[in-house]
Amino acid sequence: MIIGLQIILRFIFLPAFLIEVHLNTTHFFGLIFGMSLVTSAGYLINDKFDILTDSINHKLKLSAQSLNKKSVVKIYSILNLTGIFLGLYVGVVHSNYLTILSFIVVPFLLFIYAKYLKQQPLIGNLLVSCFIALNVILYLNLEIDLLDFNQLVVKLSWYFALMSLLLHLGRELIKDIEDIKGDYACQMNTLPICIGKNRTRNLVFILLLVLIGLSIMFFNLIFSEQSEILLYAYGLIILPNIILAWLTSQAKSKKSYSRLSSYFKFVSLLGMSLLLVF
């Protein structure tokens, strides 16, 4: 999804707004490869720390199960160091401080998340969701001024980053509800354990209502005279999120929460596809 999103942004979304790209092809693919490697390292170390909880929840990952600690550390180090090198190289060449800072801070925080923060209510969920939003704007920050809100492309970029954040935050909380048995057995302190499954589900429902409301206001204000774009926005973002909110309100069993987690990912993909419309 990370690689696909960046390719859409560079080769379809930005050209639609007649934006001349500055990164050459080598630097562009170096950047997204670096992002993918750092993300992969984060997933690997997270799976390793999650072996006990995943075994209790009957969702043990093959990567975590089949590799010993020494192998995990070696692969994790190679993935991270290679990803950091690629990202820092692009950031330094283009004098982009957000890129440099991201590739220094994000790998460190992903480790802290896997080791400590995921056991705490909400803070770990919010941190990972912010990283998802960062995936949307990191490349765009190298091509456009993301603080120039007079440009339509900037407004859309921030909207998609916020949409990604809210959707992923909702999915993270749903996954915590799904995994509550293993998390409780391992003495974690996730939000569903703190406030209960129903209250956490209601919070996810509210997040989706906020996203739906923001989306309706955003597209009706910005594209009020462009009915075709409004039609796509309602079909690919607003209506799917309304359905997702209803499904969230109806979820009760572990199986329904597991399906709901997949639906969140599918709705995210639908949202990304709106970038193709422009």
C-alpha atoms as a PDB file:
ATOM      1  CA  MET A   1       0.000   0.000   0.000  1.00  0.00           C
ATOM      2  CA  ILE A   2       2.861   2.379   0.778  1.00  0.00           C
ATOM      3  CA  ILE A   3       4.556   1.772  -2.571  1.00  0.00           C
ATOM      4  CA  GLY A   4       1.278   1.911  -4.498  1.00  0.00           C
ATOM      5  CA  LEU A   5       0.270   5.177  -2.824  1.00  0.00           C
ATOM      6  CA  GLN A   6       3.577   6.901  -3.626  1.00  0.00           C
ATOM      7  CA  ILE A   7       3.448   5.779  -7.271  1.00  0.00           C
ATOM      8  CA  ILE A   8      -0.096   7.152  -7.603  1.00  0.00           C
ATOM      9  CA  LEU A   9       0.965  10.444  -6.010  1.00  0.00           C
ATOM     10  CA  ARG A  10       3.954  10.906  -8.301  1.00  0.00           C
ATOM     11  CA  PHE A  11       2.727   9.620 -11.647  1.00  0.00           C
ATOM     12  CA  ILE A  12      -1.018  10.392 -11.501  1.00  0.00           C
ATOM     13  CA  PHE A  13      -2.022  12.790  -8.705  1.00  0.00           C
ATOM     14  CA  LEU A  14       0.649  15.517  -9.027  1.00  0.00           C
ATOM     15  CA  PRO A  15       0.620  15.592 -12.864  1.00  0.00           C
ATOM     16  CA  ALA A  16      -3.170  16.073 -12.714  1.00  0.00           C
ATOM     17  CA  PHE A  17      -2.489  19.420 -11.023  1.00  0.00           C
ATOM     18  CA  LEU A  18       0.329  20.260 -13.461  1.00  0.00           C
ATOM     19  CA  ILE A  19       2.946  19.975 -10.697  1.00  0.00           C
ATOM     20  CA  GLU A  20       6.468  19.584 -12.040  1.00  0.00           C
ATOM     21  CA  VAL A  21       8.240  16.958  -9.929  1.00  0.00           C
ATOM     22  CA  HIS A  22      11.759  17.672  -8.613  1.00  0.00           C
ATOM     23  CA  LEU A  23      12.912  14.213  -7.518  1.00  0.00           C
ATOM     24  CA  ASN A  24      14.473  12.133 -10.248  1.00  0.00           C
ATOM     25  CA  THR A  25      13.272   8.544 -10.625  1.00  0.00           C
ATOM     26  CA  THR A  26      16.259   7.076  -8.729  1.00  0.00           C
ATOM     27  CA  HIS A  27      15.729   9.317  -5.701  1.00  0.00           C
ATOM     28  CA  PHE A  28      11.975   8.713  -5.758  1.00  0.00           C
ATOM     29  CA  PHE A  29      12.282   4.930  -5.701  1.00  0.00           C
ATOM     30  CA  GLY A  30      15.105   5.185  -3.156  1.00  0.00           C
ATOM     31  CA  LEU A  31      12.751   7.137  -0.881  1.00  0.00           C
ATOM     32  CA  ILE A  32       9.809   4.738  -1.122  1.00  0.00           C
ATOM     33  CA  PHE A  33      12.106   1.712  -0.830  1.00  0.00           C
ATOM     34  CA  GLY A  34      13.558   3.266   2.320  1.00  0.00           C
ATOM     35  CA  MET A  35      10.053   3.866   3.699  1.00  0.00           C
ATOM     36  CA  SER A  36       9.096   0.256   2.949  1.00  0.00           C
ATOM     37  CA  LEU A  37      12.225  -1.172   4.622  1.00  0.00           C
ATOM     38  CA  VAL A  38      11.738   0.867   7.806  1.00  0.00           C
ATOM     39  CA  THR A  39       8.077  -0.177   7.901  1.00  0.00           C
ATOM     40  CA  SER A  40       9.016  -3.838   7.369  1.00  0.00           C
ATOM     41  CA  ALA A  41      11.528  -3.647  10.205  1.00  0.00           C
ATOM     42  CA  GLY A  42       8.824  -2.191  12.439  1.00  0.00           C
ATOM     43  CA  TYR A  43       6.430  -5.014  11.590  1.00  0.00           C
ATOM     44  CA  LEU A  44       9.096  -7.665  12.190  1.00  0.00           C
ATOM     45  CA  ILE A  45      10.104  -6.435  15.645  1.00  0.00           C
ATOM     46  CA  ASN A  46       6.457  -5.912  16.571  1.00  0.00           C
ATOM     47  CA  ASP A  47       5.646  -9.513  15.608  1.00  0.00           C
ATOM     48  CA  LYS A  48       8.563 -10.782  17.700  1.00  0.00           C
ATOM     49  CA  PHE A  49       7.396  -8.914  20.807  1.00  0.00           C
ATOM     50  CA  ASP A  50       3.852 -10.163  20.149  1.00  0.00           C
ATOM     51  CA  ILE A  51       4.593 -13.909  20.070  1.00  0.00           C
ATOM     52  CA  LEU A  52       2.922 -14.653  23.403  1.00  0.00           C
ATOM     53  CA  THR A  53      -0.180 -12.523  22.846  1.00  0.00           C
ATOM     54  CA  ASP A  54      -0.570 -13.757  19.265  1.00  0.00           C
ATOM     55  CA  SER A  55      -0.309 -17.392  20.383  1.00  0.00           C
ATOM     56  CA  ILE A  56      -3.095 -16.807  22.926  1.00  0.00           C
ATOM     57  CA  ASN A  57      -5.195 -15.047  20.261  1.00  0.00           C
ATOM     58  CA  HIS A  58      -4.453 -17.840  17.724  1.00  0.00           C
ATOM     59  CA  LYS A  59      -2.895 -15.452  15.200  1.00  0.00           C
ATOM     60  CA  LEU A  60       0.842 -16.196  15.437  1.00  0.00           C
ATOM     61  CA  LYS A  61       2.860 -14.732  12.555  1.00  0.00           C
ATOM     62  CA  LEU A  62       5.159 -17.045  10.591  1.00  0.00           C
ATOM     63  CA  SER A  63       8.002 -14.500  10.646  1.00  0.00           C
ATOM     64  CA  ALA A  64       7.986 -14.311  14.419  1.00  0.00           C
ATOM     65  CA  GLN A  65       7.517 -18.024  14.938  1.00  0.00           C
ATOM     66  CA  SER A  66      10.197 -19.304  12.567  1.00  0.00           C
ATOM     67  CA  LEU A  67      13.081 -16.934  13.391  1.00  0.00           C
ATOM     68  CA  ASN A  68      15.219 -17.062  16.518  1.00  0.00           C
ATOM     69  CA  LYS A  69      16.154 -13.905  18.399  1.00  0.00           C
ATOM     70  CA  LYS A  70      19.580 -13.592  16.753  1.00  0.00           C
ATOM     71  CA  SER A  71      18.097 -13.859  13.244  1.00  0.00           C
ATOM     72  CA  VAL A  72      15.391 -11.312  14.043  1.00  0.00           C
ATOM     73  CA  VAL A  73      17.956  -8.817  15.347  1.00  0.00           C
ATOM     74  CA  LYS A  74      20.133  -9.320  12.262  1.00  0.00           C
ATOM     75  CA  ILE A  75      17.291  -8.933   9.734  1.00  0.00           C
ATOM     76  CA  TYR A  76      15.768  -6.049  11.704  1.00  0.00           C
ATOM     77  CA  SER A  77      19.119  -4.228  11.716  1.00  0.00           C
ATOM     78  CA  ILE A  78      19.693  -4.745   7.985  1.00  0.00           C
ATOM     79  CA  LEU A  79      16.196  -3.557   7.078  1.00  0.00           C
ATOM     80  CA  ASN A  80      16.384  -0.519   9.344  1.00  0.00           C
ATOM     81  CA  LEU A  81      19.929   0.579   8.491  1.00  0.00           C
ATOM     82  CA  THR A  82      19.350   0.216   4.746  1.00  0.00           C
ATOM     83  CA  GLY A  83      16.038   2.080   4.942  1.00  0.00           C
ATOM     84  CA  ILE A  84      17.507   4.861   7.084  1.00  0.00           C
ATOM     85  CA  PHE A  85      20.492   5.255   4.739  1.00  0.00           C
ATOM     86  CA  LEU A  86      18.245   5.576   1.674  1.00  0.00           C
ATOM     87  CA  GLY A  87      15.898   8.034   3.357  1.00  0.00           C
ATOM     88  CA  LEU A  88      18.663  10.191   4.808  1.00  0.00           C
ATOM     89  CA  TYR A  89      20.464  10.248   1.451  1.00  0.00           C
ATOM     90  CA  VAL A  90      17.378  11.627  -0.319  1.00  0.00           C
ATOM     91  CA  GLY A  91      16.675  14.062   2.521  1.00  0.00           C
ATOM     92  CA  VAL A  92      20.241  15.427   2.582  1.00  0.00           C
ATOM     93  CA  VAL A  93      20.518  15.718  -1.222  1.00  0.00           C
ATOM     94  CA  HIS A  94      17.291  17.727  -1.351  1.00  0.00           C
ATOM     95  CA  SER A  95      17.904  19.579   1.954  1.00  0.00           C
ATOM     96  CA  ASN A  96      14.536  18.455   3.283  1.00  0.00           C
ATOM     97  CA  TYR A  97      14.456  18.514   7.062  1.00  0.00           C
ATOM     98  CA  LEU A  98      11.150  16.623   7.436  1.00  0.00           C
ATOM     99  CA  THR A  99      12.581  13.679   5.483  1.00  0.00           C
ATOM    100  CA  ILE A 100      15.821  13.691   7.491  1.00  0.00           C
ATOM    101  CA  LEU A 101      13.977  13.936  10.810  1.00  0.00           C
ATOM    102  CA  SER A 102      11.474  11.241   9.840  1.00  0.00           C
ATOM    103  CA  PHE A 103      14.125   8.670   8.986  1.00  0.00           C
ATOM    104  CA  ILE A 104      15.944   9.370  12.260  1.00  0.00           C
ATOM    105  CA  VAL A 105      12.943   9.445  14.604  1.00  0.00           C
ATOM    106  CA  VAL A 106      10.435   6.986  13.095  1.00  0.00           C
ATOM    107  CA  PRO A 107      12.583   3.781  13.329  1.00  0.00           C
ATOM    108  CA  PHE A 108      13.381   4.602  16.956  1.00  0.00           C
ATOM    109  CA  LEU A 109       9.729   5.280  17.840  1.00  0.00           C
ATOM    110  CA  LEU A 110       8.549   2.119  16.054  1.00  0.00           C
ATOM    111  CA  PHE A 111      10.844   0.103  18.335  1.00  0.00           C
ATOM    112  CA  ILE A 112       9.601   1.997  21.417  1.00  0.00           C
ATOM    113  CA  TYR A 113       6.038   1.355  20.266  1.00  0.00           C
ATOM    114  CA  ALA A 114       6.601  -2.394  19.855  1.00  0.00           C
ATOM    115  CA  LYS A 115       8.442  -2.682  23.186  1.00  0.00           C
ATOM    116  CA  TYR A 116       6.440  -0.338  25.431  1.00  0.00           C
ATOM    117  CA  LEU A 117       3.825   1.995  23.952  1.00  0.00           C
ATOM    118  CA  LYS A 118       1.501  -0.602  22.426  1.00  0.00           C
ATOM    119  CA  GLN A 119       0.782  -1.778  25.971  1.00  0.00           C
ATOM    120  CA  GLN A 120      -0.566   1.658  26.910  1.00  0.00           C
ATOM    121  CA  PRO A 121      -4.072   2.957  26.177  1.00  0.00           C
ATOM    122  CA  LEU A 122      -4.419   5.016  22.986  1.00  0.00           C
ATOM    123  CA  ILE A 123      -0.932   6.576  22.829  1.00  0.00           C
ATOM    124  CA  GLY A 124       0.568   3.708  20.812  1.00  0.00           C
ATOM    125  CA  ASN A 125      -2.471   3.578  18.503  1.00  0.00           C
ATOM    126  CA  LEU A 126      -2.241   7.308  17.878  1.00  0.00           C
ATOM    127  CA  LEU A 127       1.515   7.175  17.234  1.00  0.00           C
ATOM    128  CA  VAL A 128       1.241   4.470  14.562  1.00  0.00           C
ATOM    129  CA  SER A 129      -1.702   6.282  12.954  1.00  0.00           C
ATOM    130  CA  CYS A 130       0.392   9.458  12.721  1.00  0.00           C
ATOM    131  CA  PHE A 131       3.085   7.445  10.929  1.00  0.00           C
ATOM    132  CA  ILE A 132       0.453   6.298   8.415  1.00  0.00           C
ATOM    133  CA  ALA A 133      -0.487   9.932   7.793  1.00  0.00           C
ATOM    134  CA  LEU A 134       3.218  10.735   7.422  1.00  0.00           C
ATOM    135  CA  ASN A 135       3.385   8.196   4.589  1.00  0.00           C
ATOM    136  CA  VAL A 136       0.930  10.394   2.676  1.00  0.00           C
ATOM    137  CA  ILE A 137       2.785  13.692   3.062  1.00  0.00           C
ATOM    138  CA  LEU A 138       6.457  12.643   3.235  1.00  0.00           C
ATOM    139  CA  TYR A 139       7.002  12.422  -0.524  1.00  0.00           C
ATOM    140  CA  LEU A 140       4.624  15.318  -1.263  1.00  0.00           C
ATOM    141  CA  ASN A 141       6.669  17.519   1.080  1.00  0.00           C
ATOM    142  CA  LEU A 142       9.608  17.098  -1.304  1.00  0.00           C
ATOM    143  CA  GLU A 143       7.555  18.283  -4.284  1.00  0.00           C
ATOM    144  CA  ILE A 144       5.148  20.974  -3.037  1.00  0.00           C
ATOM    145  CA  ASP A 145       4.857  23.542  -0.253  1.00  0.00           C
ATOM    146  CA  LEU A 146       2.444  21.845   2.137  1.00  0.00           C
ATOM    147  CA  LEU A 147       1.890  25.114   4.027  1.00  0.00           C
ATOM    148  CA  ASP A 148       0.518  26.936   0.977  1.00  0.00           C
ATOM    149  CA  PHE A 149      -3.171  26.321   1.604  1.00  0.00           C
ATOM    150  CA  ASN A 150      -4.166  28.459  -1.374  1.00  0.00           C
ATOM    151  CA  GLN A 151      -3.318  25.483  -3.585  1.00  0.00           C
ATOM    152  CA  LEU A 152      -6.015  22.862  -4.099  1.00  0.00           C
ATOM    153  CA  VAL A 153      -3.406  20.102  -4.243  1.00  0.00           C
ATOM    154  CA  VAL A 154      -2.222  21.064  -0.733  1.00  0.00           C
ATOM    155  CA  LYS A 155      -5.748  20.996   0.703  1.00  0.00           C
ATOM    156  CA  LEU A 156      -6.321  17.569  -0.808  1.00  0.00           C
ATOM    157  CA  SER A 157      -2.974  16.286   0.473  1.00  0.00           C
ATOM    158  CA  TRP A 158      -3.798  17.221   4.064  1.00  0.00           C
ATOM    159  CA  TYR A 159      -7.305  15.816   3.732  1.00  0.00           C
ATOM    160  CA  PHE A 160      -5.991  12.429   2.607  1.00  0.00           C
ATOM    161  CA  ALA A 161      -3.409  12.453   5.419  1.00  0.00           C
ATOM    162  CA  LEU A 162      -6.146  13.149   7.995  1.00  0.00           C
ATOM    163  CA  MET A 163      -8.402  10.499   6.460  1.00  0.00           C
ATOM    164  CA  SER A 164      -5.572   7.954   6.684  1.00  0.00           C
ATOM    165  CA  LEU A 165      -4.918   8.880  10.316  1.00  0.00           C
ATOM    166  CA  LEU A 166      -8.557   8.527  11.414  1.00  0.00           C
ATOM    167  CA  LEU A 167      -9.161   5.290   9.509  1.00  0.00           C
ATOM    168  CA  HIS A 168      -5.986   3.668  10.804  1.00  0.00           C
ATOM    169  CA  LEU A 169      -6.667   4.818  14.360  1.00  0.00           C
ATOM    170  CA  GLY A 170     -10.086   3.207  14.152  1.00  0.00           C
ATOM    171  CA  ARG A 171      -8.579  -0.006  12.783  1.00  0.00           C
ATOM    172  CA  GLU A 172      -5.910  -0.079  15.518  1.00  0.00           C
ATOM    173  CA  LEU A 173      -8.598   0.176  18.212  1.00  0.00           C
ATOM    174  CA  ILE A 174     -10.679  -2.549  16.559  1.00  0.00           C
ATOM    175  CA  LYS A 175      -7.590  -4.808  16.499  1.00  0.00           C
ATOM    176  CA  ASP A 176      -7.089  -4.117  20.223  1.00  0.00           C
ATOM    177  CA  ILE A 177     -10.679  -5.238  20.862  1.00  0.00           C
ATOM    178  CA  GLU A 178     -10.080  -8.346  18.763  1.00  0.00           C
ATOM    179  CA  ASP A 179      -6.879  -9.147  20.711  1.00  0.00           C
ATOM    180  CA  ILE A 180      -8.185  -8.307  24.185  1.00  0.00           C
ATOM    181  CA  LYS A 181      -7.873 -11.880  25.490  1.00  0.00           C
ATOM    182  CA  GLY A 182      -4.135 -12.172  24.763  1.00  0.00           C
ATOM    183  CA  ASP A 183      -3.415  -8.587  25.811  1.00  0.00           C
ATOM    184  CA  TYR A 184      -5.197  -9.103  29.138  1.00  0.00           C
ATOM    185  CA  ALA A 185      -3.318 -12.365  29.762  1.00  0.00           C
ATOM    186  CA  CYS A 186      -0.011 -10.546  29.154  1.00  0.00           C
ATOM    187  CA  GLN A 187      -1.020  -7.742  31.539  1.00  0.00           C
ATOM    188  CA  MET A 188      -1.178  -5.062  28.862  1.00  0.00           C
ATOM    189  CA  ASN A 189      -3.186  -1.917  29.419  1.00  0.00           C
ATOM    190  CA  THR A 190      -4.796  -1.272  26.034  1.00  0.00           C
ATOM    191  CA  LEU A 191      -7.871   0.940  25.700  1.00  0.00           C
ATOM    192  CA  PRO A 192     -10.436  -1.926  25.542  1.00  0.00           C
ATOM    193  CA  ILE A 193      -8.962  -3.322  28.773  1.00  0.00           C
ATOM    194  CA  CYS A 194      -9.145   0.127  30.420  1.00  0.00           C
ATOM    195  CA  ILE A 195     -12.630   1.228  29.363  1.00  0.00           C
ATOM    196  CA  GLY A 196     -14.192  -1.932  27.945  1.00  0.00           C
ATOM    197  CA  LYS A 197     -14.937  -3.258  24.474  1.00  0.00           C
ATOM    198  CA  ASN A 198     -18.243  -1.458  24.025  1.00  0.00           C
ATOM    199  CA  ARG A 199     -16.892   1.990  24.921  1.00  0.00           C
ATOM    200  CA  THR A 200     -13.891   1.463  22.638  1.00  0.00           C
ATOM    201  CA  ARG A 201     -16.203   0.385  19.807  1.00  0.00           C
ATOM    202  CA  ASN A 202     -18.308   3.506  20.412  1.00  0.00           C
ATOM    203  CA  LEU A 203     -15.163   5.639  20.201  1.00  0.00           C
ATOM    204  CA  VAL A 204     -14.330   4.086  16.819  1.00  0.00           C
ATOM    205  CA  PHE A 205     -17.911   4.826  15.720  1.00  0.00           C
ATOM    206  CA  ILE A 206     -17.457   8.478  16.733  1.00  0.00           C
ATOM    207  CA  LEU A 207     -14.133   8.676  14.828  1.00  0.00           C
ATOM    208  CA  LEU A 208     -15.894   7.440  11.701  1.00  0.00           C
ATOM    209  CA  LEU A 209     -18.719   9.976  12.182  1.00  0.00           C
ATOM    210  CA  VAL A 210     -16.100  12.736  12.449  1.00  0.00           C
ATOM    211  CA  LEU A 211     -14.439  11.519   9.243  1.00  0.00           C
ATOM    212  CA  ILE A 212     -17.798  11.355   7.443  1.00  0.00           C
ATOM    213  CA  GLY A 213     -18.739  14.864   8.596  1.00  0.00           C
ATOM    214  CA  LEU A 214     -15.364  16.333   7.633  1.00  0.00           C
ATOM    215  CA  SER A 215     -15.494  14.618   4.239  1.00  0.00           C
ATOM    216  CA  ILE A 216     -18.990  15.933   3.468  1.00  0.00           C
ATOM    217  CA  MET A 217     -17.987  19.493   4.416  1.00  0.00           C
ATOM    218  CA  PHE A 218     -14.639  19.337   2.603  1.00  0.00           C
ATOM    219  CA  PHE A 219     -15.891  18.023  -0.730  1.00  0.00           C
ATOM    220  CA  ASN A 220     -19.086  20.085  -0.764  1.00  0.00           C
ATOM    221  CA  LEU A 221     -17.149  23.274  -0.042  1.00  0.00           C
ATOM    222  CA  ILE A 222     -14.219  22.668  -2.393  1.00  0.00           C
ATOM    223  CA  PHE A 223     -15.999  20.891  -5.262  1.00  0.00           C
ATOM    224  CA  SER A 224     -19.506  22.334  -5.006  1.00  0.00           C
ATOM    225  CA  GLU A 225     -19.613  23.005  -8.764  1.00  0.00           C
ATOM    226  CA  GLN A 226     -17.926  19.778  -9.867  1.00  0.00           C
ATOM    227  CA  SER A 227     -20.635  17.158  -9.603  1.00  0.00           C
ATOM    228  CA  GLU A 228     -18.503  14.365 -11.076  1.00  0.00           C
ATOM    229  CA  ILE A 229     -15.856  14.655  -8.348  1.00  0.00           C
ATOM    230  CA  LEU A 230     -18.597  14.904  -5.708  1.00  0.00           C
ATOM    231  CA  LEU A 231     -20.129  11.697  -7.062  1.00  0.00           C
ATOM    232  CA  TYR A 232     -16.803   9.866  -6.799  1.00  0.00           C
ATOM    233  CA  ALA A 233     -16.148  11.287  -3.320  1.00  0.00           C
ATOM    234  CA  TYR A 234     -19.506  10.074  -2.046  1.00  0.00           C
ATOM    235  CA  GLY A 235     -19.117   6.708  -3.773  1.00  0.00           C
ATOM    236  CA  LEU A 236     -15.506   5.989  -2.771  1.00  0.00           C
ATOM    237  CA  ILE A 237     -15.186   7.666   0.637  1.00  0.00           C
ATOM    238  CA  ILE A 238     -18.379   8.912   2.274  1.00  0.00           C
ATOM    239  CA  LEU A 239     -20.762   6.014   1.555  1.00  0.00           C
ATOM    240  CA  PRO A 240     -18.173   3.279   2.368  1.00  0.00           C
ATOM    241  CA  ASN A 241     -17.419   5.021   5.669  1.00  0.00           C
ATOM    242  CA  ILE A 242     -21.136   5.241   6.498  1.00  0.00           C
ATOM    243  CA  ILE A 243     -21.390   1.479   5.910  1.00  0.00           C
ATOM    244  CA  LEU A 244     -18.213   0.949   7.954  1.00  0.00           C
ATOM    245  CA  ALA A 245     -19.674   2.994  10.831  1.00  0.00           C
ATOM    246  CA  TRP A 246     -22.847   0.888  10.771  1.00  0.00           C
ATOM    247  CA  LEU A 247     -20.846  -2.359  10.740  1.00  0.00           C
ATOM    248  CA  THR A 248     -18.789  -1.035  13.666  1.00  0.00           C
ATOM    249  CA  SER A 249     -21.931  -0.330  15.679  1.00  0.00           C
ATOM    250  CA  GLN A 250     -23.140  -3.909  15.030  1.00  0.00           C
ATOM    251  CA  ALA A 251     -19.880  -5.737  15.862  1.00  0.00           C
ATOM    252  CA  LYS A 252     -20.089  -8.015  18.871  1.00  0.00           C
ATOM    253  CA  SER A 253     -18.014 -11.199  18.492  1.00  0.00           C
ATOM    254  CA  LYS A 254     -14.283 -11.734  17.970  1.00  0.00           C
ATOM    255  CA  LYS A 255     -15.018 -12.962  14.433  1.00  0.00           C
ATOM    256  CA  SER A 256     -16.985  -9.814  13.601  1.00  0.00           C
ATOM    257  CA  TYR A 257     -14.145  -7.620  14.876  1.00  0.00           C
ATOM    258  CA  SER A 258     -11.674  -9.592  12.766  1.00  0.00           C
ATOM    259  CA  ARG A 259     -13.793  -9.001   9.642  1.00  0.00           C
ATOM    260  CA  LEU A 260     -14.191  -5.365  10.599  1.00  0.00           C
ATOM    261  CA  SER A 261     -10.412  -4.909  10.696  1.00  0.00           C
ATOM    262  CA  SER A 262     -10.250  -6.141   7.080  1.00  0.00           C
ATOM    263  CA  TYR A 263     -13.096  -3.818   6.081  1.00  0.00           C
ATOM    264  CA  PHE A 264     -11.125  -0.865   7.434  1.00  0.00           C
ATOM    265  CA  LYS A 265      -8.223  -1.774   5.154  1.00  0.00           C
ATOM    266  CA  PHE A 266     -10.570  -2.132   2.168  1.00  0.00           C
ATOM    267  CA  VAL A 267     -12.144   1.287   2.822  1.00  0.00           C
ATOM    268  CA  SER A 268      -8.628   2.768   3.029  1.00  0.00           C
ATOM    269  CA  LEU A 269      -7.894   1.329  -0.421  1.00  0.00           C
ATOM    270  CA  LEU A 270     -11.122   2.832  -1.767  1.00  0.00           C
ATOM    271  CA  GLY A 271     -10.086   6.207  -0.351  1.00  0.00           C
ATOM    272  CA  MET A 272      -6.700   5.935  -2.042  1.00  0.00           C
ATOM    273  CA  SER A 273      -8.426   5.189  -5.349  1.00  0.00           C
ATOM    274  CA  LEU A 274     -10.055   8.635  -5.263  1.00  0.00           C
ATOM    275  CA  LEU A 275      -6.577  10.036  -5.986  1.00  0.00           C
ATOM    276  CA  LEU A 276      -6.924   8.475  -9.454  1.00  0.00           C
ATOM    277  CA  VAL A 277     -10.074  10.503 -10.168  1.00  0.00           C
ATOM    278  CA  PHE A 278      -8.248  13.826 -10.337  1.00  0.00           C
END
